[in-house]
Amino acid sequence: PFEVESVLMEHPAVAEAGVIGVPDPVMGEPIKAFVALKPGISQDPAVIRRELTAHARRRLGPAVAPREIAFADTLPHTRSGKIMRRLLKEVASGGSVTGDTTTLEDFSILAKLRKSDD
């Protein structure tokens, strides 16, 4: 995931990226990326999604490029600033958030992520 995140971060419109594997009965765990764009980006998200996918395929190969890219205003962080990928995985899987969330900086981000994931 770190390599994919790093490649996505190379795009000038990307502020941060979190990458996870989403359980799939046929494909195993295809890669899904959650991307927060920099403020003031007015480019169409569909265009940015295509650019990011093409860039990741060029740099990493088609097998490692994200199958899905979801955009969010921000990603869930701990109070110390680390992305909580476990929560991204739970949102992407459609499940409820379980486990310890006491270190989550902003609880409202979970509802926003679910909405952007639809």
N, C-alpha and C. Protein backbone atom coordinates (compact mmCIF):
# COMPACT_ATOMS: atom_id res chain seq x y z
N PRO A 1 0.80 -1.22 0.00
CA PRO A 1 0.00 0.00 0.00
C PRO A 1 0.84 1.28 0.00
N PHE A 2 1.98 1.24 0.70
CA PHE A 2 2.78 2.46 0.78
C PHE A 2 3.27 2.91 -0.59
N GLU A 3 3.69 1.96 -1.43
CA GLU A 3 4.16 2.31 -2.76
C GLU A 3 3.05 2.94 -3.59
N VAL A 4 1.86 2.38 -3.51
CA VAL A 4 0.73 2.91 -4.27
C VAL A 4 0.39 4.30 -3.76
N GLU A 5 0.36 4.49 -2.45
CA GLU A 5 0.10 5.81 -1.88
C GLU A 5 1.13 6.82 -2.35
N SER A 6 2.39 6.43 -2.35
CA SER A 6 3.46 7.33 -2.78
C SER A 6 3.29 7.75 -4.23
N VAL A 7 2.93 6.82 -5.09
CA VAL A 7 2.72 7.13 -6.50
C VAL A 7 1.53 8.06 -6.68
N LEU A 8 0.45 7.82 -5.96
CA LEU A 8 -0.71 8.70 -6.06
C LEU A 8 -0.38 10.11 -5.56
N MET A 9 0.44 10.20 -4.55
CA MET A 9 0.83 11.50 -3.99
C MET A 9 1.68 12.33 -4.96
N GLU A 10 2.24 11.70 -5.96
CA GLU A 10 3.03 12.42 -6.96
C GLU A 10 2.16 13.34 -7.82
N HIS A 11 0.86 13.05 -7.91
CA HIS A 11 -0.04 13.87 -8.73
C HIS A 11 -0.20 15.24 -8.06
N PRO A 12 -0.12 16.31 -8.82
CA PRO A 12 -0.17 17.65 -8.23
C PRO A 12 -1.50 18.01 -7.55
N ALA A 13 -2.58 17.28 -7.83
CA ALA A 13 -3.87 17.58 -7.22
C ALA A 13 -4.10 16.85 -5.90
N VAL A 14 -3.24 15.89 -5.58
CA VAL A 14 -3.47 15.02 -4.42
C VAL A 14 -2.80 15.58 -3.17
N ALA A 15 -3.61 15.75 -2.11
CA ALA A 15 -3.08 16.19 -0.81
C ALA A 15 -2.64 14.99 0.02
N GLU A 16 -3.45 13.94 0.02
CA GLU A 16 -3.10 12.72 0.74
C GLU A 16 -3.87 11.54 0.16
N ALA A 17 -3.32 10.35 0.40
CA ALA A 17 -3.94 9.14 -0.11
C ALA A 17 -3.81 8.02 0.91
N GLY A 18 -4.85 7.22 1.00
CA GLY A 18 -4.84 6.02 1.84
C GLY A 18 -5.27 4.85 0.97
N VAL A 19 -4.50 3.78 1.00
CA VAL A 19 -4.75 2.64 0.13
C VAL A 19 -4.99 1.39 0.98
N ILE A 20 -6.00 0.62 0.57
CA ILE A 20 -6.36 -0.61 1.28
C ILE A 20 -6.69 -1.71 0.28
N GLY A 21 -6.75 -2.92 0.75
CA GLY A 21 -7.27 -4.03 -0.03
C GLY A 21 -8.71 -4.28 0.40
N VAL A 22 -9.60 -4.43 -0.56
CA VAL A 22 -11.01 -4.67 -0.26
C VAL A 22 -11.33 -6.13 -0.55
N PRO A 23 -11.83 -6.87 0.44
CA PRO A 23 -12.14 -8.28 0.22
C PRO A 23 -13.13 -8.48 -0.93
N ASP A 24 -12.79 -9.40 -1.82
CA ASP A 24 -13.63 -9.72 -2.96
C ASP A 24 -13.55 -11.23 -3.18
N PRO A 25 -14.69 -11.93 -3.28
CA PRO A 25 -14.64 -13.39 -3.40
C PRO A 25 -13.98 -13.89 -4.68
N VAL A 26 -13.97 -13.07 -5.73
CA VAL A 26 -13.40 -13.49 -7.00
C VAL A 26 -11.95 -13.03 -7.15
N MET A 27 -11.68 -11.77 -6.82
CA MET A 27 -10.38 -11.17 -7.08
C MET A 27 -9.43 -11.19 -5.89
N GLY A 28 -9.87 -11.67 -4.76
CA GLY A 28 -9.00 -11.65 -3.58
C GLY A 28 -9.16 -10.35 -2.83
N GLU A 29 -8.18 -9.46 -2.95
CA GLU A 29 -8.26 -8.14 -2.32
C GLU A 29 -7.76 -7.07 -3.28
N PRO A 30 -8.63 -6.65 -4.23
CA PRO A 30 -8.22 -5.59 -5.13
C PRO A 30 -7.98 -4.28 -4.36
N ILE A 31 -7.13 -3.46 -4.91
CA ILE A 31 -6.73 -2.23 -4.23
C ILE A 31 -7.76 -1.13 -4.46
N LYS A 32 -8.08 -0.45 -3.37
CA LYS A 32 -8.94 0.73 -3.42
C LYS A 32 -8.19 1.87 -2.76
N ALA A 33 -8.25 3.03 -3.39
CA ALA A 33 -7.57 4.21 -2.85
C ALA A 33 -8.61 5.24 -2.44
N PHE A 34 -8.37 5.84 -1.30
CA PHE A 34 -9.13 7.00 -0.85
C PHE A 34 -8.19 8.19 -1.00
N VAL A 35 -8.64 9.21 -1.72
CA VAL A 35 -7.78 10.34 -2.05
C VAL A 35 -8.43 11.64 -1.61
N ALA A 36 -7.67 12.47 -0.92
CA ALA A 36 -8.10 13.82 -0.58
C ALA A 36 -7.35 14.77 -1.51
N LEU A 37 -8.12 15.61 -2.20
CA LEU A 37 -7.51 16.56 -3.13
C LEU A 37 -7.10 17.84 -2.40
N LYS A 38 -6.15 18.53 -2.98
CA LYS A 38 -5.70 19.80 -2.43
C LYS A 38 -6.82 20.83 -2.57
N PRO A 39 -6.88 21.78 -1.65
CA PRO A 39 -7.92 22.82 -1.74
C PRO A 39 -7.78 23.61 -3.04
N GLY A 40 -8.92 23.98 -3.60
CA GLY A 40 -8.92 24.79 -4.80
C GLY A 40 -8.84 24.02 -6.11
N ILE A 41 -8.81 22.70 -6.05
CA ILE A 41 -8.76 21.90 -7.27
C ILE A 41 -10.16 21.91 -7.89
N SER A 42 -10.25 22.41 -9.11
CA SER A 42 -11.56 22.52 -9.77
C SER A 42 -11.71 21.52 -10.91
N GLN A 43 -10.71 20.72 -11.14
CA GLN A 43 -10.74 19.74 -12.21
C GLN A 43 -11.80 18.67 -11.91
N ASP A 44 -12.43 18.16 -12.94
CA ASP A 44 -13.45 17.13 -12.81
C ASP A 44 -12.86 15.89 -12.13
N PRO A 45 -13.49 15.38 -11.07
CA PRO A 45 -12.98 14.19 -10.39
C PRO A 45 -12.81 12.98 -11.31
N ALA A 46 -13.67 12.83 -12.32
CA ALA A 46 -13.53 11.71 -13.25
C ALA A 46 -12.23 11.81 -14.03
N VAL A 47 -11.84 13.02 -14.39
CA VAL A 47 -10.58 13.23 -15.11
C VAL A 47 -9.40 12.92 -14.20
N ILE A 48 -9.45 13.39 -12.97
CA ILE A 48 -8.37 13.12 -12.01
C ILE A 48 -8.28 11.62 -11.75
N ARG A 49 -9.43 10.95 -11.62
CA ARG A 49 -9.45 9.50 -11.38
C ARG A 49 -8.74 8.77 -12.54
N ARG A 50 -9.05 9.15 -13.77
CA ARG A 50 -8.39 8.53 -14.93
C ARG A 50 -6.89 8.80 -14.93
N GLU A 51 -6.51 10.04 -14.62
CA GLU A 51 -5.09 10.40 -14.57
C GLU A 51 -4.35 9.59 -13.50
N LEU A 52 -4.96 9.47 -12.33
CA LEU A 52 -4.33 8.72 -11.24
C LEU A 52 -4.19 7.25 -11.58
N THR A 53 -5.23 6.68 -12.17
CA THR A 53 -5.18 5.27 -12.55
C THR A 53 -4.10 5.04 -13.61
N ALA A 54 -4.06 5.90 -14.62
CA ALA A 54 -3.05 5.76 -15.68
C ALA A 54 -1.64 5.93 -15.12
N HIS A 55 -1.46 6.88 -14.24
CA HIS A 55 -0.14 7.12 -13.63
C HIS A 55 0.29 5.90 -12.81
N ALA A 56 -0.61 5.36 -12.01
CA ALA A 56 -0.28 4.19 -11.18
C ALA A 56 0.04 2.98 -12.06
N ARG A 57 -0.70 2.80 -13.14
CA ARG A 57 -0.43 1.68 -14.05
C ARG A 57 0.94 1.81 -14.71
N ARG A 58 1.28 3.03 -15.11
CA ARG A 58 2.59 3.26 -15.73
C ARG A 58 3.73 2.98 -14.76
N ARG A 59 3.59 3.48 -13.54
CA ARG A 59 4.67 3.39 -12.56
C ARG A 59 4.76 2.04 -11.85
N LEU A 60 3.59 1.40 -11.62
CA LEU A 60 3.58 0.18 -10.81
C LEU A 60 3.12 -1.07 -11.56
N GLY A 61 2.44 -0.88 -12.67
CA GLY A 61 1.90 -2.01 -13.41
C GLY A 61 0.42 -2.15 -13.15
N PRO A 62 -0.31 -2.74 -14.09
CA PRO A 62 -1.77 -2.88 -13.97
C PRO A 62 -2.22 -3.71 -12.78
N ALA A 63 -1.44 -4.69 -12.38
CA ALA A 63 -1.84 -5.56 -11.28
C ALA A 63 -1.84 -4.84 -9.93
N VAL A 64 -1.05 -3.79 -9.82
CA VAL A 64 -0.91 -3.09 -8.53
C VAL A 64 -1.70 -1.79 -8.50
N ALA A 65 -2.11 -1.29 -9.65
CA ALA A 65 -2.85 -0.03 -9.70
C ALA A 65 -4.21 -0.20 -9.01
N PRO A 66 -4.71 0.87 -8.38
CA PRO A 66 -6.02 0.78 -7.71
C PRO A 66 -7.14 0.45 -8.69
N ARG A 67 -8.02 -0.44 -8.28
CA ARG A 67 -9.20 -0.76 -9.08
C ARG A 67 -10.26 0.31 -8.91
N GLU A 68 -10.27 0.92 -7.72
CA GLU A 68 -11.24 1.98 -7.40
C GLU A 68 -10.51 3.13 -6.75
N ILE A 69 -11.01 4.34 -7.01
CA ILE A 69 -10.50 5.53 -6.33
C ILE A 69 -11.71 6.33 -5.86
N ALA A 70 -11.77 6.58 -4.56
CA ALA A 70 -12.84 7.38 -3.97
C ALA A 70 -12.22 8.69 -3.47
N PHE A 71 -12.94 9.77 -3.65
CA PHE A 71 -12.45 11.07 -3.20
C PHE A 71 -13.14 11.45 -1.89
N ALA A 72 -12.39 12.10 -1.04
CA ALA A 72 -12.90 12.55 0.25
C ALA A 72 -12.27 13.90 0.57
N ASP A 73 -12.95 14.67 1.41
CA ASP A 73 -12.38 15.95 1.83
C ASP A 73 -11.12 15.74 2.65
N THR A 74 -11.17 14.72 3.49
CA THR A 74 -10.03 14.36 4.34
C THR A 74 -10.15 12.88 4.68
N LEU A 75 -9.09 12.32 5.18
CA LEU A 75 -9.08 10.92 5.57
C LEU A 75 -9.11 10.82 7.09
N PRO A 76 -9.53 9.67 7.64
CA PRO A 76 -9.55 9.54 9.10
C PRO A 76 -8.13 9.45 9.66
N HIS A 77 -7.85 10.32 10.61
CA HIS A 77 -6.52 10.36 11.23
C HIS A 77 -6.62 10.14 12.73
N THR A 78 -5.55 9.62 13.27
CA THR A 78 -5.42 9.60 14.72
C THR A 78 -5.06 11.01 15.17
N ARG A 79 -5.09 11.24 16.43
CA ARG A 79 -4.72 12.57 16.94
C ARG A 79 -3.26 12.90 16.64
N SER A 80 -2.45 11.86 16.43
CA SER A 80 -1.04 12.10 16.10
C SER A 80 -0.82 12.24 14.60
N GLY A 81 -1.89 12.14 13.79
CA GLY A 81 -1.79 12.42 12.37
C GLY A 81 -1.66 11.22 11.45
N LYS A 82 -1.70 10.01 11.98
CA LYS A 82 -1.58 8.82 11.13
C LYS A 82 -2.94 8.47 10.53
N ILE A 83 -2.93 8.04 9.27
CA ILE A 83 -4.17 7.62 8.61
C ILE A 83 -4.62 6.29 9.21
N MET A 84 -5.90 6.21 9.55
CA MET A 84 -6.46 4.99 10.12
C MET A 84 -7.01 4.11 8.99
N ARG A 85 -6.12 3.33 8.40
CA ARG A 85 -6.48 2.49 7.26
C ARG A 85 -7.50 1.41 7.63
N ARG A 86 -7.48 0.98 8.85
CA ARG A 86 -8.46 -0.02 9.31
C ARG A 86 -9.88 0.52 9.12
N LEU A 87 -10.08 1.80 9.40
CA LEU A 87 -11.39 2.40 9.22
C LEU A 87 -11.74 2.54 7.75
N LEU A 88 -10.75 2.86 6.92
CA LEU A 88 -10.98 2.92 5.48
C LEU A 88 -11.45 1.56 4.97
N LYS A 89 -10.81 0.51 5.45
CA LYS A 89 -11.17 -0.85 5.02
C LYS A 89 -12.59 -1.20 5.46
N GLU A 90 -12.95 -0.82 6.67
CA GLU A 90 -14.30 -1.11 7.15
C GLU A 90 -15.35 -0.34 6.37
N VAL A 91 -15.06 0.91 6.03
CA VAL A 91 -15.99 1.71 5.22
C VAL A 91 -16.12 1.10 3.82
N ALA A 92 -15.00 0.73 3.21
CA ALA A 92 -15.01 0.17 1.86
C ALA A 92 -15.71 -1.18 1.81
N SER A 93 -15.65 -1.93 2.89
CA SER A 93 -16.29 -3.25 2.95
C SER A 93 -17.78 -3.15 3.25
N GLY A 94 -18.24 -1.95 3.58
CA GLY A 94 -19.65 -1.76 3.87
C GLY A 94 -20.05 -2.18 5.27
N GLY A 95 -19.08 -2.56 6.06
CA GLY A 95 -19.36 -2.99 7.42
C GLY A 95 -19.42 -1.83 8.38
N SER A 96 -19.83 -2.13 9.58
CA SER A 96 -19.84 -1.10 10.60
C SER A 96 -18.44 -0.98 11.20
N VAL A 97 -18.17 0.19 11.72
CA VAL A 97 -16.87 0.43 12.34
C VAL A 97 -16.85 -0.24 13.70
N THR A 98 -15.88 -1.12 13.87
CA THR A 98 -15.73 -1.83 15.14
C THR A 98 -14.34 -1.55 15.68
N GLY A 99 -14.15 -1.93 16.88
CA GLY A 99 -12.83 -1.76 17.47
C GLY A 99 -12.66 -0.37 18.07
N ASP A 100 -11.46 -0.11 18.50
CA ASP A 100 -11.13 1.11 19.21
C ASP A 100 -11.06 2.30 18.25
N THR A 101 -11.87 3.31 18.51
CA THR A 101 -11.82 4.55 17.73
C THR A 101 -11.53 5.75 18.63
N THR A 102 -11.02 5.49 19.81
CA THR A 102 -10.78 6.59 20.75
C THR A 102 -9.69 7.54 20.27
N THR A 103 -8.80 7.08 19.39
CA THR A 103 -7.75 7.97 18.91
C THR A 103 -8.14 8.71 17.63
N LEU A 104 -9.35 8.44 17.10
CA LEU A 104 -9.82 9.11 15.89
C LEU A 104 -9.98 10.60 16.17
N GLU A 105 -9.39 11.40 15.30
CA GLU A 105 -9.39 12.85 15.50
C GLU A 105 -10.76 13.48 15.26
N ASP A 106 -11.46 13.04 14.19
CA ASP A 106 -12.74 13.63 13.82
C ASP A 106 -13.72 12.52 13.45
N PHE A 107 -14.71 12.28 14.28
CA PHE A 107 -15.66 11.20 14.05
C PHE A 107 -16.59 11.47 12.87
N SER A 108 -16.81 12.71 12.52
CA SER A 108 -17.73 13.02 11.41
C SER A 108 -17.18 12.56 10.07
N ILE A 109 -15.89 12.34 9.97
CA ILE A 109 -15.28 11.91 8.71
C ILE A 109 -15.81 10.55 8.27
N LEU A 110 -16.19 9.70 9.20
CA LEU A 110 -16.69 8.37 8.83
C LEU A 110 -17.98 8.46 8.01
N ALA A 111 -18.89 9.33 8.43
CA ALA A 111 -20.14 9.51 7.68
C ALA A 111 -19.85 10.10 6.30
N LYS A 112 -18.93 11.03 6.22
CA LYS A 112 -18.57 11.63 4.94
C LYS A 112 -17.93 10.60 4.01
N LEU A 113 -17.10 9.73 4.56
CA LEU A 113 -16.47 8.69 3.75
C LEU A 113 -17.50 7.71 3.21
N ARG A 114 -18.46 7.34 4.03
CA ARG A 114 -19.51 6.42 3.58
C ARG A 114 -20.30 7.04 2.43
N LYS A 115 -20.58 8.34 2.56
CA LYS A 115 -21.34 9.03 1.53
C LYS A 115 -20.53 9.11 0.24
N SER A 116 -19.23 9.39 0.32
CA SER A 116 -18.40 9.49 -0.88
C SER A 116 -18.16 8.13 -1.50
N ASP A 117 -18.33 7.07 -0.72
CA ASP A 117 -18.09 5.72 -1.20
C ASP A 117 -19.28 5.17 -1.97
N ASP A 118 -20.45 5.82 -1.87
CA ASP A 118 -21.66 5.35 -2.57
C ASP A 118 -21.56 5.54 -4.06
